[in-house]
Amino acid sequence: MATGVIHAGVCGFTINIKAVSDEDHKVLLEITSDCPNYQKIAKELTVVDAYKEIFSKLHSGRVYEVFSKYSPHPSCAGVSGIMKTVEVAAGLALSQTATISVTKE
């Protein structure tokens, strides 16, 4: 199992992801969030094929398809967090902390 915790930014919402992969790289997702958009995403995005997600063209996989239906914020870090958690759960990436830090000068 892999877990991801994304603090989305100025909105203050958190997205929590639990992902479990079977031997065929089907990844079961459990997404919880205080964000109303991710609550909708969680209901629809419950299983993905890790290979299709990771090796598809950018924005053409199931994760991005569902994300684009419900999220009005294309720059939300949550979608990247879901993708990274899927990769790790399926054994296609190593577990590592990733951060985004944005400042204005």
PDB file of N, CA and C in Angstrom:
ATOM      1  N   MET A   1       0.839  -1.178   0.000  1.00  0.00           N
ATOM      2  CA  MET A   1       0.000   0.000   0.000  1.00  0.00           C
ATOM      3  C   MET A   1       0.882   1.237   0.000  1.00  0.00           C
ATOM      4  N   ALA A   2       0.425   2.243  -0.695  1.00  0.00           N
ATOM      5  CA  ALA A   2       1.100   3.539  -0.693  1.00  0.00           C
ATOM      6  C   ALA A   2       0.096   4.580  -0.203  1.00  0.00           C
ATOM      7  N   THR A   3       0.606   5.573   0.485  1.00  0.00           N
ATOM      8  CA  THR A   3      -0.253   6.664   0.937  1.00  0.00           C
ATOM      9  C   THR A   3       0.335   7.986   0.475  1.00  0.00           C
ATOM     10  N   GLY A   4      -0.551   8.911   0.191  1.00  0.00           N
ATOM     11  CA  GLY A   4      -0.137  10.254  -0.185  1.00  0.00           C
ATOM     12  C   GLY A   4      -0.947  11.266   0.595  1.00  0.00           C
ATOM     13  N   VAL A   5      -0.310  12.332   0.998  1.00  0.00           N
ATOM     14  CA  VAL A   5      -0.979  13.440   1.672  1.00  0.00           C
ATOM     15  C   VAL A   5      -0.579  14.706   0.941  1.00  0.00           C
ATOM     16  N   ILE A   6      -1.567  15.399   0.393  1.00  0.00           N
ATOM     17  CA  ILE A   6      -1.294  16.613  -0.369  1.00  0.00           C
ATOM     18  C   ILE A   6      -1.966  17.781   0.329  1.00  0.00           C
ATOM     19  N   HIS A   7      -1.174  18.777   0.672  1.00  0.00           N
ATOM     20  CA  HIS A   7      -1.688  20.038   1.195  1.00  0.00           C
ATOM     21  C   HIS A   7      -1.735  20.967  -0.019  1.00  0.00           C
ATOM     22  N   ALA A   8      -2.939  21.217  -0.502  1.00  0.00           N
ATOM     23  CA  ALA A   8      -3.111  21.807  -1.821  1.00  0.00           C
ATOM     24  C   ALA A   8      -2.671  23.261  -1.943  1.00  0.00           C
ATOM     25  N   GLY A   9      -2.560  23.984  -0.865  1.00  0.00           N
ATOM     26  CA  GLY A   9      -2.082  25.358  -0.970  1.00  0.00           C
ATOM     27  C   GLY A   9      -2.993  26.346  -0.284  1.00  0.00           C
ATOM     28  N   VAL A  10      -3.161  27.489  -0.914  1.00  0.00           N
ATOM     29  CA  VAL A  10      -3.878  28.602  -0.311  1.00  0.00           C
ATOM     30  C   VAL A  10      -5.331  28.252   0.013  1.00  0.00           C
ATOM     31  N   CYS A  11      -5.918  27.289  -0.680  1.00  0.00           N
ATOM     32  CA  CYS A  11      -7.297  26.878  -0.396  1.00  0.00           C
ATOM     33  C   CYS A  11      -7.411  26.247   0.987  1.00  0.00           C
ATOM     34  N   GLY A  12      -6.302  25.694   1.483  1.00  0.00           N
ATOM     35  CA  GLY A  12      -6.296  25.081   2.803  1.00  0.00           C
ATOM     36  C   GLY A  12      -6.778  23.641   2.825  1.00  0.00           C
ATOM     37  N   PHE A  13      -7.133  23.080   1.677  1.00  0.00           N
ATOM     38  CA  PHE A  13      -7.637  21.712   1.637  1.00  0.00           C
ATOM     39  C   PHE A  13      -6.501  20.697   1.645  1.00  0.00           C
ATOM     40  N   THR A  14      -6.809  19.527   2.175  1.00  0.00           N
ATOM     41  CA  THR A  14      -5.881  18.407   2.201  1.00  0.00           C
ATOM     42  C   THR A  14      -6.519  17.245   1.452  1.00  0.00           C
ATOM     43  N   ILE A  15      -5.708  16.541   0.684  1.00  0.00           N
ATOM     44  CA  ILE A  15      -6.157  15.354  -0.034  1.00  0.00           C
ATOM     45  C   ILE A  15      -5.340  14.183   0.484  1.00  0.00           C
ATOM     46  N   ASN A  16      -6.032  13.146   0.952  1.00  0.00           N
ATOM     47  CA  ASN A  16      -5.376  11.932   1.457  1.00  0.00           C
ATOM     48  C   ASN A  16      -5.679  10.793   0.497  1.00  0.00           C
ATOM     49  N   ILE A  17      -4.658  10.022   0.163  1.00  0.00           N
ATOM     50  CA  ILE A  17      -4.802   8.940  -0.799  1.00  0.00           C
ATOM     51  C   ILE A  17      -4.222   7.670  -0.205  1.00  0.00           C
ATOM     52  N   LYS A  18      -4.974   6.582  -0.309  1.00  0.00           N
ATOM     53  CA  LYS A  18      -4.470   5.240  -0.030  1.00  0.00           C
ATOM     54  C   LYS A  18      -4.603   4.472  -1.328  1.00  0.00           C
ATOM     55  N   ALA A  19      -3.534   3.793  -1.728  1.00  0.00           N
ATOM     56  CA  ALA A  19      -3.529   3.067  -2.996  1.00  0.00           C
ATOM     57  C   ALA A  19      -2.939   1.678  -2.792  1.00  0.00           C
ATOM     58  N   VAL A  20      -3.645   0.679  -3.303  1.00  0.00           N
ATOM     59  CA  VAL A  20      -3.205  -0.711  -3.208  1.00  0.00           C
ATOM     60  C   VAL A  20      -3.238  -1.301  -4.605  1.00  0.00           C
ATOM     61  N   SER A  21      -2.145  -1.939  -4.993  1.00  0.00           N
ATOM     62  CA  SER A  21      -2.030  -2.515  -6.331  1.00  0.00           C
ATOM     63  C   SER A  21      -2.077  -4.036  -6.261  1.00  0.00           C
ATOM     64  N   ASP A  22      -2.717  -4.640  -7.275  1.00  0.00           N
ATOM     65  CA  ASP A  22      -2.648  -6.089  -7.394  1.00  0.00           C
ATOM     66  C   ASP A  22      -1.516  -6.458  -8.352  1.00  0.00           C
ATOM     67  N   GLU A  23      -1.355  -7.742  -8.628  1.00  0.00           N
ATOM     68  CA  GLU A  23      -0.248  -8.180  -9.480  1.00  0.00           C
ATOM     69  C   GLU A  23      -0.412  -7.761 -10.938  1.00  0.00           C
ATOM     70  N   ASP A  24      -1.621  -7.372 -11.341  1.00  0.00           N
ATOM     71  CA  ASP A  24      -1.865  -6.881 -12.703  1.00  0.00           C
ATOM     72  C   ASP A  24      -1.757  -5.364 -12.800  1.00  0.00           C
ATOM     73  N   HIS A  25      -1.287  -4.728 -11.727  1.00  0.00           N
ATOM     74  CA  HIS A  25      -1.106  -3.275 -11.655  1.00  0.00           C
ATOM     75  C   HIS A  25      -2.415  -2.493 -11.711  1.00  0.00           C
ATOM     76  N   LYS A  26      -3.503  -3.137 -11.305  1.00  0.00           N
ATOM     77  CA  LYS A  26      -4.753  -2.416 -11.069  1.00  0.00           C
ATOM     78  C   LYS A  26      -4.633  -1.827  -9.670  1.00  0.00           C
ATOM     79  N   VAL A  27      -4.842  -0.535  -9.565  1.00  0.00           N
ATOM     80  CA  VAL A  27      -4.650   0.151  -8.285  1.00  0.00           C
ATOM     81  C   VAL A  27      -5.999   0.602  -7.743  1.00  0.00           C
ATOM     82  N   LEU A  28      -6.328   0.109  -6.554  1.00  0.00           N
ATOM     83  CA  LEU A  28      -7.534   0.535  -5.857  1.00  0.00           C
ATOM     84  C   LEU A  28      -7.206   1.805  -5.096  1.00  0.00           C
ATOM     85  N   LEU A  29      -8.053   2.819  -5.271  1.00  0.00           N
ATOM     86  CA  LEU A  29      -7.811   4.116  -4.640  1.00  0.00           C
ATOM     87  C   LEU A  29      -8.880   4.428  -3.602  1.00  0.00           C
ATOM     88  N   GLU A  30      -8.429   4.953  -2.491  1.00  0.00           N
ATOM     89  CA  GLU A  30      -9.323   5.511  -1.484  1.00  0.00           C
ATOM     90  C   GLU A  30      -8.863   6.955  -1.269  1.00  0.00           C
ATOM     91  N   ILE A  31      -9.666   7.883  -1.731  1.00  0.00           N
ATOM     92  CA  ILE A  31      -9.329   9.305  -1.650  1.00  0.00           C
ATOM     93  C   ILE A  31     -10.282   9.967  -0.677  1.00  0.00           C
ATOM     94  N   THR A  32      -9.735  10.687   0.280  1.00  0.00           N
ATOM     95  CA  THR A  32     -10.550  11.473   1.200  1.00  0.00           C
ATOM     96  C   THR A  32     -10.019  12.900   1.204  1.00  0.00           C
ATOM     97  N   SER A  33     -10.930  13.845   1.353  1.00  0.00           N
ATOM     98  CA  SER A  33     -10.523  15.242   1.341  1.00  0.00           C
ATOM     99  C   SER A  33     -11.626  16.112   1.918  1.00  0.00           C
ATOM    100  N   ASP A  34     -11.219  17.249   2.451  1.00  0.00           N
ATOM    101  CA  ASP A  34     -12.187  18.252   2.861  1.00  0.00           C
ATOM    102  C   ASP A  34     -12.569  19.156   1.683  1.00  0.00           C
ATOM    103  N   CYS A  35     -11.951  18.960   0.532  1.00  0.00           N
ATOM    104  CA  CYS A  35     -12.276  19.717  -0.685  1.00  0.00           C
ATOM    105  C   CYS A  35     -13.527  19.113  -1.327  1.00  0.00           C
ATOM    106  N   PRO A  36     -14.552  19.918  -1.568  1.00  0.00           N
ATOM    107  CA  PRO A  36     -15.763  19.379  -2.193  1.00  0.00           C
ATOM    108  C   PRO A  36     -15.526  18.814  -3.595  1.00  0.00           C
ATOM    109  N   ASN A  37     -14.564  19.353  -4.324  1.00  0.00           N
ATOM    110  CA  ASN A  37     -14.246  18.822  -5.653  1.00  0.00           C
ATOM    111  C   ASN A  37     -13.627  17.429  -5.547  1.00  0.00           C
ATOM    112  N   TYR A  38     -12.722  17.238  -4.611  1.00  0.00           N
ATOM    113  CA  TYR A  38     -12.085  15.932  -4.447  1.00  0.00           C
ATOM    114  C   TYR A  38     -13.030  14.914  -3.827  1.00  0.00           C
ATOM    115  N   GLN A  39     -14.047  15.348  -3.124  1.00  0.00           N
ATOM    116  CA  GLN A  39     -15.058  14.416  -2.641  1.00  0.00           C
ATOM    117  C   GLN A  39     -15.799  13.811  -3.824  1.00  0.00           C
ATOM    118  N   LYS A  40     -16.051  14.597  -4.861  1.00  0.00           N
ATOM    119  CA  LYS A  40     -16.674  14.088  -6.087  1.00  0.00           C
ATOM    120  C   LYS A  40     -15.708  13.178  -6.845  1.00  0.00           C
ATOM    121  N   ILE A  41     -14.454  13.603  -6.921  1.00  0.00           N
ATOM    122  CA  ILE A  41     -13.433  12.786  -7.585  1.00  0.00           C
ATOM    123  C   ILE A  41     -13.323  11.430  -6.900  1.00  0.00           C
ATOM    124  N   ALA A  42     -13.331  11.419  -5.584  1.00  0.00           N
ATOM    125  CA  ALA A  42     -13.184  10.185  -4.810  1.00  0.00           C
ATOM    126  C   ALA A  42     -14.279   9.170  -5.117  1.00  0.00           C
ATOM    127  N   LYS A  43     -15.481   9.646  -5.348  1.00  0.00           N
ATOM    128  CA  LYS A  43     -16.601   8.737  -5.639  1.00  0.00           C
ATOM    129  C   LYS A  43     -16.435   8.038  -6.986  1.00  0.00           C
ATOM    130  N   GLU A  44     -15.814   8.709  -7.933  1.00  0.00           N
ATOM    131  CA  GLU A  44     -15.683   8.158  -9.279  1.00  0.00           C
ATOM    132  C   GLU A  44     -14.336   7.488  -9.542  1.00  0.00           C
ATOM    133  N   LEU A  45     -13.295   7.955  -8.902  1.00  0.00           N
ATOM    134  CA  LEU A  45     -11.950   7.446  -9.169  1.00  0.00           C
ATOM    135  C   LEU A  45     -11.575   6.427  -8.093  1.00  0.00           C
ATOM    136  N   THR A  46     -11.997   5.194  -8.287  1.00  0.00           N
ATOM    137  CA  THR A  46     -11.777   4.154  -7.284  1.00  0.00           C
ATOM    138  C   THR A  46     -10.787   3.085  -7.712  1.00  0.00           C
ATOM    139  N   VAL A  47     -10.561   2.963  -9.011  1.00  0.00           N
ATOM    140  CA  VAL A  47      -9.589   1.984  -9.513  1.00  0.00           C
ATOM    141  C   VAL A  47      -9.017   2.491 -10.836  1.00  0.00           C
ATOM    142  N   VAL A  48      -7.710   2.300 -11.011  1.00  0.00           N
ATOM    143  CA  VAL A  48      -7.051   2.667 -12.269  1.00  0.00           C
ATOM    144  C   VAL A  48      -6.040   1.586 -12.640  1.00  0.00           C
ATOM    145  N   ASP A  49      -5.701   1.541 -13.904  1.00  0.00           N
ATOM    146  CA  ASP A  49      -4.636   0.680 -14.404  1.00  0.00           C
ATOM    147  C   ASP A  49      -3.352   1.508 -14.374  1.00  0.00           C
ATOM    148  N   ALA A  50      -2.421   1.136 -13.522  1.00  0.00           N
ATOM    149  CA  ALA A  50      -1.210   1.938 -13.324  1.00  0.00           C
ATOM    150  C   ALA A  50      -0.423   2.129 -14.617  1.00  0.00           C
ATOM    151  N   TYR A  51      -0.289   1.077 -15.419  1.00  0.00           N
ATOM    152  CA  TYR A  51       0.469   1.210 -16.662  1.00  0.00           C
ATOM    153  C   TYR A  51      -0.186   2.197 -17.622  1.00  0.00           C
ATOM    154  N   LYS A  52      -1.507   2.145 -17.724  1.00  0.00           N
ATOM    155  CA  LYS A  52      -2.202   3.087 -18.610  1.00  0.00           C
ATOM    156  C   LYS A  52      -2.041   4.521 -18.111  1.00  0.00           C
ATOM    157  N   GLU A  53      -2.086   4.702 -16.809  1.00  0.00           N
ATOM    158  CA  GLU A  53      -1.949   6.051 -16.255  1.00  0.00           C
ATOM    159  C   GLU A  53      -0.550   6.603 -16.460  1.00  0.00           C
ATOM    160  N   ILE A  54       0.438   5.816 -16.141  1.00  0.00           N
ATOM    161  CA  ILE A  54       1.820   6.289 -16.121  1.00  0.00           C
ATOM    162  C   ILE A  54       2.395   6.431 -17.528  1.00  0.00           C
ATOM    163  N   PHE A  55       1.963   5.569 -18.441  1.00  0.00           N
ATOM    164  CA  PHE A  55       2.562   5.585 -19.770  1.00  0.00           C
ATOM    165  C   PHE A  55       1.657   6.182 -20.849  1.00  0.00           C
ATOM    166  N   SER A  56       0.566   6.836 -20.445  1.00  0.00           N
ATOM    167  CA  SER A  56      -0.283   7.549 -21.399  1.00  0.00           C
ATOM    168  C   SER A  56       0.276   8.951 -21.624  1.00  0.00           C
ATOM    169  N   LYS A  57      -0.182   9.574 -22.684  1.00  0.00           N
ATOM    170  CA  LYS A  57       0.180  10.975 -22.902  1.00  0.00           C
ATOM    171  C   LYS A  57      -0.388  11.807 -21.762  1.00  0.00           C
ATOM    172  N   LEU A  58       0.282  12.900 -21.477  1.00  0.00           N
ATOM    173  CA  LEU A  58      -0.142  13.792 -20.412  1.00  0.00           C
ATOM    174  C   LEU A  58      -1.609  14.186 -20.590  1.00  0.00           C
ATOM    175  N   HIS A  59      -2.362  14.083 -19.538  1.00  0.00           N
ATOM    176  CA  HIS A  59      -3.777  14.471 -19.465  1.00  0.00           C
ATOM    177  C   HIS A  59      -4.708  13.537 -20.211  1.00  0.00           C
ATOM    178  N   SER A  60      -4.264  12.357 -20.598  1.00  0.00           N
ATOM    179  CA  SER A  60      -5.162  11.466 -21.325  1.00  0.00           C
ATOM    180  C   SER A  60      -5.585  10.245 -20.515  1.00  0.00           C
ATOM    181  N   GLY A  61      -5.074  10.065 -19.321  1.00  0.00           N
ATOM    182  CA  GLY A  61      -5.434   8.920 -18.499  1.00  0.00           C
ATOM    183  C   GLY A  61      -6.707   9.144 -17.713  1.00  0.00           C
ATOM    184  N   ARG A  62      -7.132   8.120 -17.017  1.00  0.00           N
ATOM    185  CA  ARG A  62      -8.363   8.152 -16.225  1.00  0.00           C
ATOM    186  C   ARG A  62      -8.276   9.174 -15.095  1.00  0.00           C
ATOM    187  N   VAL A  63      -7.128   9.277 -14.433  1.00  0.00           N
ATOM    188  CA  VAL A  63      -6.980  10.231 -13.332  1.00  0.00           C
ATOM    189  C   VAL A  63      -7.266  11.641 -13.829  1.00  0.00           C
ATOM    190  N   TYR A  64      -6.646  12.027 -14.930  1.00  0.00           N
ATOM    191  CA  TYR A  64      -6.858  13.377 -15.462  1.00  0.00           C
ATOM    192  C   TYR A  64      -8.272  13.559 -16.013  1.00  0.00           C
ATOM    193  N   GLU A  65      -8.843  12.508 -16.574  1.00  0.00           N
ATOM    194  CA  GLU A  65     -10.209  12.576 -17.086  1.00  0.00           C
ATOM    195  C   GLU A  65     -11.193  12.921 -15.962  1.00  0.00           C
ATOM    196  N   VAL A  66     -11.092  12.208 -14.848  1.00  0.00           N
ATOM    197  CA  VAL A  66     -11.994  12.456 -13.721  1.00  0.00           C
ATOM    198  C   VAL A  66     -11.680  13.796 -13.073  1.00  0.00           C
ATOM    199  N   PHE A  67     -10.395  14.096 -12.904  1.00  0.00           N
ATOM    200  CA  PHE A  67      -9.998  15.383 -12.326  1.00  0.00           C
ATOM    201  C   PHE A  67     -10.590  16.547 -13.116  1.00  0.00           C
ATOM    202  N   SER A  68     -10.518  16.476 -14.437  1.00  0.00           N
ATOM    203  CA  SER A  68     -10.985  17.594 -15.269  1.00  0.00           C
ATOM    204  C   SER A  68     -12.500  17.771 -15.203  1.00  0.00           C
ATOM    205  N   LYS A  69     -13.238  16.724 -14.850  1.00  0.00           N
ATOM    206  CA  LYS A  69     -14.691  16.833 -14.717  1.00  0.00           C
ATOM    207  C   LYS A  69     -15.094  17.639 -13.477  1.00  0.00           C
ATOM    208  N   TYR A  70     -14.299  17.544 -12.420  1.00  0.00           N
ATOM    209  CA  TYR A  70     -14.734  18.079 -11.136  1.00  0.00           C
ATOM    210  C   TYR A  70     -13.899  19.227 -10.571  1.00  0.00           C
ATOM    211  N   SER A  71     -12.692  19.390 -11.027  1.00  0.00           N
ATOM    212  CA  SER A  71     -11.847  20.429 -10.451  1.00  0.00           C
ATOM    213  C   SER A  71     -11.755  21.639 -11.373  1.00  0.00           C
ATOM    214  N   PRO A  72     -12.082  22.825 -10.861  1.00  0.00           N
ATOM    215  CA  PRO A  72     -11.954  24.036 -11.661  1.00  0.00           C
ATOM    216  C   PRO A  72     -10.545  24.620 -11.634  1.00  0.00           C
ATOM    217  N   HIS A  73      -9.613  23.937 -10.971  1.00  0.00           N
ATOM    218  CA  HIS A  73      -8.261  24.468 -10.780  1.00  0.00           C
ATOM    219  C   HIS A  73      -7.226  23.558 -11.429  1.00  0.00           C
ATOM    220  N   PRO A  74      -6.856  23.809 -12.686  1.00  0.00           N
ATOM    221  CA  PRO A  74      -5.913  22.930 -13.363  1.00  0.00           C
ATOM    222  C   PRO A  74      -4.535  22.876 -12.720  1.00  0.00           C
ATOM    223  N   SER A  75      -4.188  23.861 -11.892  1.00  0.00           N
ATOM    224  CA  SER A  75      -2.870  23.844 -11.255  1.00  0.00           C
ATOM    225  C   SER A  75      -2.874  23.147  -9.899  1.00  0.00           C
ATOM    226  N   CYS A  76      -3.995  22.552  -9.505  1.00  0.00           N
ATOM    227  CA  CYS A  76      -4.070  21.884  -8.205  1.00  0.00           C
ATOM    228  C   CYS A  76      -3.027  20.771  -8.111  1.00  0.00           C
ATOM    229  N   ALA A  77      -2.286  20.769  -7.026  1.00  0.00           N
ATOM    230  CA  ALA A  77      -1.238  19.758  -6.814  1.00  0.00           C
ATOM    231  C   ALA A  77      -1.806  18.375  -6.508  1.00  0.00           C
ATOM    232  N   GLY A  78      -3.090  18.310  -6.210  1.00  0.00           N
ATOM    233  CA  GLY A  78      -3.702  17.030  -5.853  1.00  0.00           C
ATOM    234  C   GLY A  78      -3.605  15.987  -6.943  1.00  0.00           C
ATOM    235  N   VAL A  79      -3.799  16.393  -8.182  1.00  0.00           N
ATOM    236  CA  VAL A  79      -3.756  15.428  -9.277  1.00  0.00           C
ATOM    237  C   VAL A  79      -2.359  14.829  -9.420  1.00  0.00           C
ATOM    238  N   SER A  80      -1.323  15.619  -9.243  1.00  0.00           N
ATOM    239  CA  SER A  80       0.051  15.083  -9.287  1.00  0.00           C
ATOM    240  C   SER A  80       0.285  14.122  -8.133  1.00  0.00           C
ATOM    241  N   GLY A  81      -0.269  14.467  -6.979  1.00  0.00           N
ATOM    242  CA  GLY A  81      -0.134  13.595  -5.819  1.00  0.00           C
ATOM    243  C   GLY A  81      -0.798  12.249  -6.021  1.00  0.00           C
ATOM    244  N   ILE A  82      -1.963  12.256  -6.664  1.00  0.00           N
ATOM    245  CA  ILE A  82      -2.630  10.985  -6.969  1.00  0.00           C
ATOM    246  C   ILE A  82      -1.759  10.158  -7.908  1.00  0.00           C
ATOM    247  N   MET A  83      -1.253  10.784  -8.956  1.00  0.00           N
ATOM    248  CA  MET A  83      -0.414  10.063  -9.919  1.00  0.00           C
ATOM    249  C   MET A  83       0.826   9.470  -9.265  1.00  0.00           C
ATOM    250  N   LYS A  84       1.498  10.240  -8.406  1.00  0.00           N
ATOM    251  CA  LYS A  84       2.702   9.731  -7.736  1.00  0.00           C
ATOM    252  C   LYS A  84       2.351   8.569  -6.810  1.00  0.00           C
ATOM    253  N   THR A  85       1.223   8.650  -6.118  1.00  0.00           N
ATOM    254  CA  THR A  85       0.822   7.582  -5.210  1.00  0.00           C
ATOM    255  C   THR A  85       0.488   6.309  -5.984  1.00  0.00           C
ATOM    256  N   VAL A  86      -0.155   6.443  -7.142  1.00  0.00           N
ATOM    257  CA  VAL A  86      -0.434   5.297  -8.007  1.00  0.00           C
ATOM    258  C   VAL A  86       0.870   4.644  -8.448  1.00  0.00           C
ATOM    259  N   GLU A  87       1.837   5.445  -8.873  1.00  0.00           N
ATOM    260  CA  GLU A  87       3.145   4.921  -9.298  1.00  0.00           C
ATOM    261  C   GLU A  87       3.801   4.096  -8.197  1.00  0.00           C
ATOM    262  N   VAL A  88       3.820   4.639  -7.013  1.00  0.00           N
ATOM    263  CA  VAL A  88       4.483   3.960  -5.895  1.00  0.00           C
ATOM    264  C   VAL A  88       3.738   2.675  -5.529  1.00  0.00           C
ATOM    265  N   ALA A  89       2.414   2.740  -5.469  1.00  0.00           N
ATOM    266  CA  ALA A  89       1.627   1.554  -5.121  1.00  0.00           C
ATOM    267  C   ALA A  89       1.874   0.414  -6.095  1.00  0.00           C
ATOM    268  N   ALA A  90       2.030   0.740  -7.374  1.00  0.00           N
ATOM    269  CA  ALA A  90       2.227  -0.272  -8.416  1.00  0.00           C
ATOM    270  C   ALA A  90       3.676  -0.713  -8.552  1.00  0.00           C
ATOM    271  N   GLY A  91       4.567  -0.143  -7.770  1.00  0.00           N
ATOM    272  CA  GLY A  91       5.978  -0.507  -7.857  1.00  0.00           C
ATOM    273  C   GLY A  91       6.686   0.109  -9.048  1.00  0.00           C
ATOM    274  N   LEU A  92       6.135   1.180  -9.592  1.00  0.00           N
ATOM    275  CA  LEU A  92       6.731   1.832 -10.758  1.00  0.00           C
ATOM    276  C   LEU A  92       7.558   3.059 -10.391  1.00  0.00           C
ATOM    277  N   ALA A  93       7.608   3.380  -9.113  1.00  0.00           N
ATOM    278  CA  ALA A  93       8.422   4.494  -8.618  1.00  0.00           C
ATOM    279  C   ALA A  93       8.745   4.223  -7.155  1.00  0.00           C
ATOM    280  N   LEU A  94       9.800   4.839  -6.693  1.00  0.00           N
ATOM    281  CA  LEU A  94      10.161   4.728  -5.282  1.00  0.00           C
ATOM    282  C   LEU A  94       9.418   5.771  -4.472  1.00  0.00           C
ATOM    283  N   SER A  95       9.158   5.439  -3.232  1.00  0.00           N
ATOM    284  CA  SER A  95       8.513   6.381  -2.329  1.00  0.00           C
ATOM    285  C   SER A  95       9.487   7.496  -1.972  1.00  0.00           C
ATOM    286  N   GLN A  96       9.059   8.724  -2.178  1.00  0.00           N
ATOM    287  CA  GLN A  96       9.919   9.874  -1.900  1.00  0.00           C
ATOM    288  C   GLN A  96       9.041  11.099  -1.695  1.00  0.00           C
ATOM    289  N   THR A  97       9.436  11.969  -0.807  1.00  0.00           N
ATOM    290  CA  THR A  97       8.714  13.214  -0.596  1.00  0.00           C
ATOM    291  C   THR A  97       8.959  14.156  -1.767  1.00  0.00           C
ATOM    292  N   ALA A  98       7.868  14.724  -2.278  1.00  0.00           N
ATOM    293  CA  ALA A  98       7.956  15.729  -3.341  1.00  0.00           C
ATOM    294  C   ALA A  98       7.284  16.989  -2.819  1.00  0.00           C
ATOM    295  N   THR A  99       7.849  18.129  -3.118  1.00  0.00           N
ATOM    296  CA  THR A  99       7.266  19.384  -2.645  1.00  0.00           C
ATOM    297  C   THR A  99       7.173  20.389  -3.780  1.00  0.00           C
ATOM    298  N   ILE A 100       6.249  21.320  -3.609  1.00  0.00           N
ATOM    299  CA  ILE A 100       6.154  22.482  -4.489  1.00  0.00           C
ATOM    300  C   ILE A 100       6.169  23.687  -3.577  1.00  0.00           C
ATOM    301  N   SER A 101       7.077  24.582  -3.796  1.00  0.00           N
ATOM    302  CA  SER A 101       7.155  25.794  -2.995  1.00  0.00           C
ATOM    303  C   SER A 101       7.120  26.989  -3.938  1.00  0.00           C
ATOM    304  N   VAL A 102       6.117  27.851  -3.747  1.00  0.00           N
ATOM    305  CA  VAL A 102       5.944  28.992  -4.642  1.00  0.00           C
ATOM    306  C   VAL A 102       6.073  30.270  -3.814  1.00  0.00           C
ATOM    307  N   THR A 103       6.928  31.171  -4.271  1.00  0.00           N
ATOM    308  CA  THR A 103       7.080  32.474  -3.599  1.00  0.00           C
ATOM    309  C   THR A 103       6.940  33.585  -4.630  1.00  0.00           C
ATOM    310  N   LYS A 104       6.612  34.747  -4.149  1.00  0.00           N
ATOM    311  CA  LYS A 104       6.511  35.911  -5.032  1.00  0.00           C
ATOM    312  C   LYS A 104       7.439  36.974  -4.485  1.00  0.00           C
ATOM    313  N   GLU A 105       8.251  37.525  -5.365  1.00  0.00           N
ATOM    314  CA  GLU A 105       9.216  38.557  -4.932  1.00  0.00           C
ATOM    315  C   GLU A 105       8.772  39.913  -5.416  1.00  0.00           C
TER     316      GLU A 105
END
